[in-house]
Amino acid sequence: MAKAVTIKVKLVSSADTGFYYVTKKNSRTMTEKLSKKKYDPIAKKHVEFREGKIK
């Protein structure tokens, strides 16, 4: 069996609210850590979300 190209990553809020998104990324083309600006409903504003580990 071949190894999967896409992996699931957890995007954790930088506002330390505990809110997170789960998304997929291509591990071959995107080798660096993923970071995006998305909406945090607990902080009620757009903040940067950084890649973390999925347990």
PDB file of N, CA and C in Angstrom:
ATOM      1  N   MET A   1       0.835  -1.182   0.000  1.00  0.00           N
ATOM      2  CA  MET A   1       0.000   0.000   0.000  1.00  0.00           C
ATOM      3  C   MET A   1       0.878   1.243   0.000  1.00  0.00           C
ATOM      4  N   ALA A   2       0.465   2.226  -0.745  1.00  0.00           N
ATOM      5  CA  ALA A   2       1.214   3.477  -0.838  1.00  0.00           C
ATOM      6  C   ALA A   2       0.865   4.398   0.328  1.00  0.00           C
ATOM      7  N   LYS A   3       1.811   5.249   0.675  1.00  0.00           N
ATOM      8  CA  LYS A   3       1.607   6.226   1.736  1.00  0.00           C
ATOM      9  C   LYS A   3       0.737   7.370   1.212  1.00  0.00           C
ATOM     10  N   ALA A   4      -0.173   7.860   2.038  1.00  0.00           N
ATOM     11  CA  ALA A   4      -1.081   8.928   1.629  1.00  0.00           C
ATOM     12  C   ALA A   4      -0.317  10.236   1.421  1.00  0.00           C
ATOM     13  N   VAL A   5      -0.691  10.986   0.392  1.00  0.00           N
ATOM     14  CA  VAL A   5      -0.046  12.260   0.093  1.00  0.00           C
ATOM     15  C   VAL A   5      -0.611  13.349   0.986  1.00  0.00           C
ATOM     16  N   THR A   6      -1.926  13.344   1.196  1.00  0.00           N
ATOM     17  CA  THR A   6      -2.544  14.378   2.032  1.00  0.00           C
ATOM     18  C   THR A   6      -2.610  13.892   3.476  1.00  0.00           C
ATOM     19  N   ILE A   7      -2.359  14.818   4.388  1.00  0.00           N
ATOM     20  CA  ILE A   7      -2.447  14.507   5.811  1.00  0.00           C
ATOM     21  C   ILE A   7      -3.378  15.519   6.473  1.00  0.00           C
ATOM     22  N   LYS A   8      -4.000  15.124   7.576  1.00  0.00           N
ATOM     23  CA  LYS A   8      -4.860  16.027   8.342  1.00  0.00           C
ATOM     24  C   LYS A   8      -3.980  16.837   9.281  1.00  0.00           C
ATOM     25  N   VAL A   9      -4.260  18.137   9.366  1.00  0.00           N
ATOM     26  CA  VAL A   9      -3.548  19.010  10.289  1.00  0.00           C
ATOM     27  C   VAL A   9      -4.559  19.792  11.113  1.00  0.00           C
ATOM     28  N   LYS A  10      -4.143  20.180  12.295  1.00  0.00           N
ATOM     29  CA  LYS A  10      -4.984  20.941  13.212  1.00  0.00           C
ATOM     30  C   LYS A  10      -4.471  22.373  13.226  1.00  0.00           C
ATOM     31  N   LEU A  11      -5.336  23.332  12.899  1.00  0.00           N
ATOM     32  CA  LEU A  11      -4.971  24.743  12.927  1.00  0.00           C
ATOM     33  C   LEU A  11      -5.452  25.320  14.253  1.00  0.00           C
ATOM     34  N   VAL A  12      -4.503  25.682  15.124  1.00  0.00           N
ATOM     35  CA  VAL A  12      -4.805  26.156  16.477  1.00  0.00           C
ATOM     36  C   VAL A  12      -4.758  27.680  16.502  1.00  0.00           C
ATOM     37  N   SER A  13      -5.703  28.299  17.186  1.00  0.00           N
ATOM     38  CA  SER A  13      -5.799  29.756  17.272  1.00  0.00           C
ATOM     39  C   SER A  13      -4.621  30.338  18.042  1.00  0.00           C
ATOM     40  N   SER A  14      -4.078  31.446  17.529  1.00  0.00           N
ATOM     41  CA  SER A  14      -2.981  32.121  18.224  1.00  0.00           C
ATOM     42  C   SER A  14      -3.495  33.026  19.332  1.00  0.00           C
ATOM     43  N   ALA A  15      -4.820  33.180  19.452  1.00  0.00           N
ATOM     44  CA  ALA A  15      -5.414  33.982  20.517  1.00  0.00           C
ATOM     45  C   ALA A  15      -5.563  33.182  21.817  1.00  0.00           C
ATOM     46  N   ASP A  16      -5.118  31.934  21.827  1.00  0.00           N
ATOM     47  CA  ASP A  16      -5.164  31.038  22.999  1.00  0.00           C
ATOM     48  C   ASP A  16      -6.572  30.849  23.555  1.00  0.00           C
ATOM     49  N   THR A  17      -7.555  30.705  22.654  1.00  0.00           N
ATOM     50  CA  THR A  17      -8.923  30.451  23.084  1.00  0.00           C
ATOM     51  C   THR A  17      -9.229  28.966  23.127  1.00  0.00           C
ATOM     52  N   GLY A  18      -8.375  28.145  22.522  1.00  0.00           N
ATOM     53  CA  GLY A  18      -8.622  26.709  22.479  1.00  0.00           C
ATOM     54  C   GLY A  18      -9.400  26.285  21.251  1.00  0.00           C
ATOM     55  N   PHE A  19      -9.822  27.233  20.429  1.00  0.00           N
ATOM     56  CA  PHE A  19     -10.573  26.925  19.220  1.00  0.00           C
ATOM     57  C   PHE A  19      -9.605  26.471  18.135  1.00  0.00           C
ATOM     58  N   TYR A  20     -10.044  25.513  17.306  1.00  0.00           N
ATOM     59  CA  TYR A  20      -9.188  25.021  16.229  1.00  0.00           C
ATOM     60  C   TYR A  20     -10.020  24.579  15.034  1.00  0.00           C
ATOM     61  N   TYR A  21      -9.377  24.562  13.883  1.00  0.00           N
ATOM     62  CA  TYR A  21      -9.943  24.011  12.654  1.00  0.00           C
ATOM     63  C   TYR A  21      -9.141  22.774  12.281  1.00  0.00           C
ATOM     64  N   VAL A  22      -9.764  21.826  11.592  1.00  0.00           N
ATOM     65  CA  VAL A  22      -9.061  20.664  11.061  1.00  0.00           C
ATOM     66  C   VAL A  22      -9.134  20.758   9.547  1.00  0.00           C
ATOM     67  N   THR A  23      -7.983  20.636   8.875  1.00  0.00           N
ATOM     68  CA  THR A  23      -7.924  20.735   7.431  1.00  0.00           C
ATOM     69  C   THR A  23      -6.913  19.726   6.896  1.00  0.00           C
ATOM     70  N   LYS A  24      -6.828  19.632   5.588  1.00  0.00           N
ATOM     71  CA  LYS A  24      -5.874  18.731   4.954  1.00  0.00           C
ATOM     72  C   LYS A  24      -4.814  19.531   4.224  1.00  0.00           C
ATOM     73  N   LYS A  25      -3.613  18.959   4.110  1.00  0.00           N
ATOM     74  CA  LYS A  25      -2.573  19.585   3.307  1.00  0.00           C
ATOM     75  C   LYS A  25      -1.770  18.508   2.607  1.00  0.00           C
ATOM     76  N   ASN A  26      -1.189  18.880   1.475  1.00  0.00           N
ATOM     77  CA  ASN A  26      -0.340  17.978   0.717  1.00  0.00           C
ATOM     78  C   ASN A  26       1.040  18.005   1.353  1.00  0.00           C
ATOM     79  N   SER A  27       1.477  16.872   1.908  1.00  0.00           N
ATOM     80  CA  SER A  27       2.742  16.840   2.640  1.00  0.00           C
ATOM     81  C   SER A  27       3.957  16.875   1.725  1.00  0.00           C
ATOM     82  N   ARG A  28       3.787  16.595   0.453  1.00  0.00           N
ATOM     83  CA  ARG A  28       4.922  16.627  -0.480  1.00  0.00           C
ATOM     84  C   ARG A  28       5.210  18.031  -0.994  1.00  0.00           C
ATOM     85  N   THR A  29       4.154  18.827  -1.260  1.00  0.00           N
ATOM     86  CA  THR A  29       4.373  20.156  -1.827  1.00  0.00           C
ATOM     87  C   THR A  29       4.456  21.234  -0.760  1.00  0.00           C
ATOM     88  N   MET A  30       3.801  21.038   0.383  1.00  0.00           N
ATOM     89  CA  MET A  30       3.817  22.035   1.463  1.00  0.00           C
ATOM     90  C   MET A  30       4.557  21.442   2.654  1.00  0.00           C
ATOM     91  N   THR A  31       5.877  21.571   2.642  1.00  0.00           N
ATOM     92  CA  THR A  31       6.678  20.966   3.703  1.00  0.00           C
ATOM     93  C   THR A  31       6.765  21.847   4.945  1.00  0.00           C
ATOM     94  N   GLU A  32       6.542  23.160   4.796  1.00  0.00           N
ATOM     95  CA  GLU A  32       6.603  24.044   5.959  1.00  0.00           C
ATOM     96  C   GLU A  32       5.274  24.022   6.715  1.00  0.00           C
ATOM     97  N   LYS A  33       5.287  24.585   7.923  1.00  0.00           N
ATOM     98  CA  LYS A  33       4.073  24.619   8.737  1.00  0.00           C
ATOM     99  C   LYS A  33       3.055  25.570   8.130  1.00  0.00           C
ATOM    100  N   LEU A  34       1.796  25.179   8.204  1.00  0.00           N
ATOM    101  CA  LEU A  34       0.702  25.952   7.620  1.00  0.00           C
ATOM    102  C   LEU A  34       0.234  27.020   8.610  1.00  0.00           C
ATOM    103  N   SER A  35      -0.004  28.242   8.105  1.00  0.00           N
ATOM    104  CA  SER A  35      -0.605  29.279   8.940  1.00  0.00           C
ATOM    105  C   SER A  35      -1.537  30.105   8.068  1.00  0.00           C
ATOM    106  N   LYS A  36      -2.725  30.369   8.596  1.00  0.00           N
ATOM    107  CA  LYS A  36      -3.759  31.111   7.871  1.00  0.00           C
ATOM    108  C   LYS A  36      -4.471  32.049   8.833  1.00  0.00           C
ATOM    109  N   LYS A  37      -5.012  33.141   8.283  1.00  0.00           N
ATOM    110  CA  LYS A  37      -5.864  34.022   9.067  1.00  0.00           C
ATOM    111  C   LYS A  37      -7.303  33.569   8.872  1.00  0.00           C
ATOM    112  N   LYS A  38      -7.950  33.192   9.978  1.00  0.00           N
ATOM    113  CA  LYS A  38      -9.322  32.717   9.933  1.00  0.00           C
ATOM    114  C   LYS A  38     -10.085  33.319  11.114  1.00  0.00           C
ATOM    115  N   TYR A  39     -11.393  33.122  11.102  1.00  0.00           N
ATOM    116  CA  TYR A  39     -12.264  33.686  12.135  1.00  0.00           C
ATOM    117  C   TYR A  39     -12.274  32.808  13.378  1.00  0.00           C
ATOM    118  N   ASP A  40     -12.082  33.413  14.527  1.00  0.00           N
ATOM    119  CA  ASP A  40     -12.179  32.729  15.810  1.00  0.00           C
ATOM    120  C   ASP A  40     -13.471  33.186  16.485  1.00  0.00           C
ATOM    121  N   PRO A  41     -14.489  32.328  16.578  1.00  0.00           N
ATOM    122  CA  PRO A  41     -15.775  32.756  17.138  1.00  0.00           C
ATOM    123  C   PRO A  41     -15.728  33.032  18.637  1.00  0.00           C
ATOM    124  N   ILE A  42     -14.749  32.512  19.351  1.00  0.00           N
ATOM    125  CA  ILE A  42     -14.643  32.780  20.779  1.00  0.00           C
ATOM    126  C   ILE A  42     -14.062  34.178  21.008  1.00  0.00           C
ATOM    127  N   ALA A  43     -13.036  34.536  20.219  1.00  0.00           N
ATOM    128  CA  ALA A  43     -12.439  35.868  20.307  1.00  0.00           C
ATOM    129  C   ALA A  43     -13.239  36.894  19.511  1.00  0.00           C
ATOM    130  N   LYS A  44     -14.133  36.424  18.658  1.00  0.00           N
ATOM    131  CA  LYS A  44     -14.999  37.255  17.808  1.00  0.00           C
ATOM    132  C   LYS A  44     -14.207  38.176  16.887  1.00  0.00           C
ATOM    133  N   LYS A  45     -13.120  37.658  16.308  1.00  0.00           N
ATOM    134  CA  LYS A  45     -12.336  38.409  15.327  1.00  0.00           C
ATOM    135  C   LYS A  45     -11.455  37.450  14.535  1.00  0.00           C
ATOM    136  N   HIS A  46     -10.861  37.949  13.466  1.00  0.00           N
ATOM    137  CA  HIS A  46      -9.950  37.152  12.654  1.00  0.00           C
ATOM    138  C   HIS A  46      -8.576  37.162  13.309  1.00  0.00           C
ATOM    139  N   VAL A  47      -8.016  35.970  13.504  1.00  0.00           N
ATOM    140  CA  VAL A  47      -6.681  35.825  14.077  1.00  0.00           C
ATOM    141  C   VAL A  47      -5.904  34.812  13.250  1.00  0.00           C
ATOM    142  N   GLU A  48      -4.611  34.711  13.504  1.00  0.00           N
ATOM    143  CA  GLU A  48      -3.778  33.754  12.782  1.00  0.00           C
ATOM    144  C   GLU A  48      -3.899  32.381  13.444  1.00  0.00           C
ATOM    145  N   PHE A  49      -4.070  31.378  12.613  1.00  0.00           N
ATOM    146  CA  PHE A  49      -4.129  29.992  13.065  1.00  0.00           C
ATOM    147  C   PHE A  49      -2.879  29.290  12.566  1.00  0.00           C
ATOM    148  N   ARG A  50      -2.170  28.584  13.466  1.00  0.00           N
ATOM    149  CA  ARG A  50      -0.944  27.887  13.107  1.00  0.00           C
ATOM    150  C   ARG A  50      -1.134  26.387  13.236  1.00  0.00           C
ATOM    151  N   GLU A  51      -0.352  25.656  12.475  1.00  0.00           N
ATOM    152  CA  GLU A  51      -0.458  24.201  12.448  1.00  0.00           C
ATOM    153  C   GLU A  51       0.027  23.603  13.762  1.00  0.00           C
ATOM    154  N   GLY A  52      -0.759  22.651  14.260  1.00  0.00           N
ATOM    155  CA  GLY A  52      -0.397  21.918  15.476  1.00  0.00           C
ATOM    156  C   GLY A  52      -0.560  20.424  15.242  1.00  0.00           C
ATOM    157  N   LYS A  53      -0.325  19.646  16.260  1.00  0.00           N
ATOM    158  CA  LYS A  53      -0.424  18.189  16.149  1.00  0.00           C
ATOM    159  C   LYS A  53      -1.847  17.727  16.408  1.00  0.00           C
ATOM    160  N   ILE A  54      -2.262  16.691  15.696  1.00  0.00           N
ATOM    161  CA  ILE A  54      -3.538  16.022  15.964  1.00  0.00           C
ATOM    162  C   ILE A  54      -3.235  14.839  16.853  1.00  0.00           C
ATOM    163  N   LYS A  55      -3.969  14.726  17.958  1.00  0.00           N
ATOM    164  CA  LYS A  55      -3.723  13.615  18.894  1.00  0.00           C
ATOM    165  C   LYS A  55      -4.456  12.380  18.461  1.00  0.00           C
TER     166      LYS A  55
END
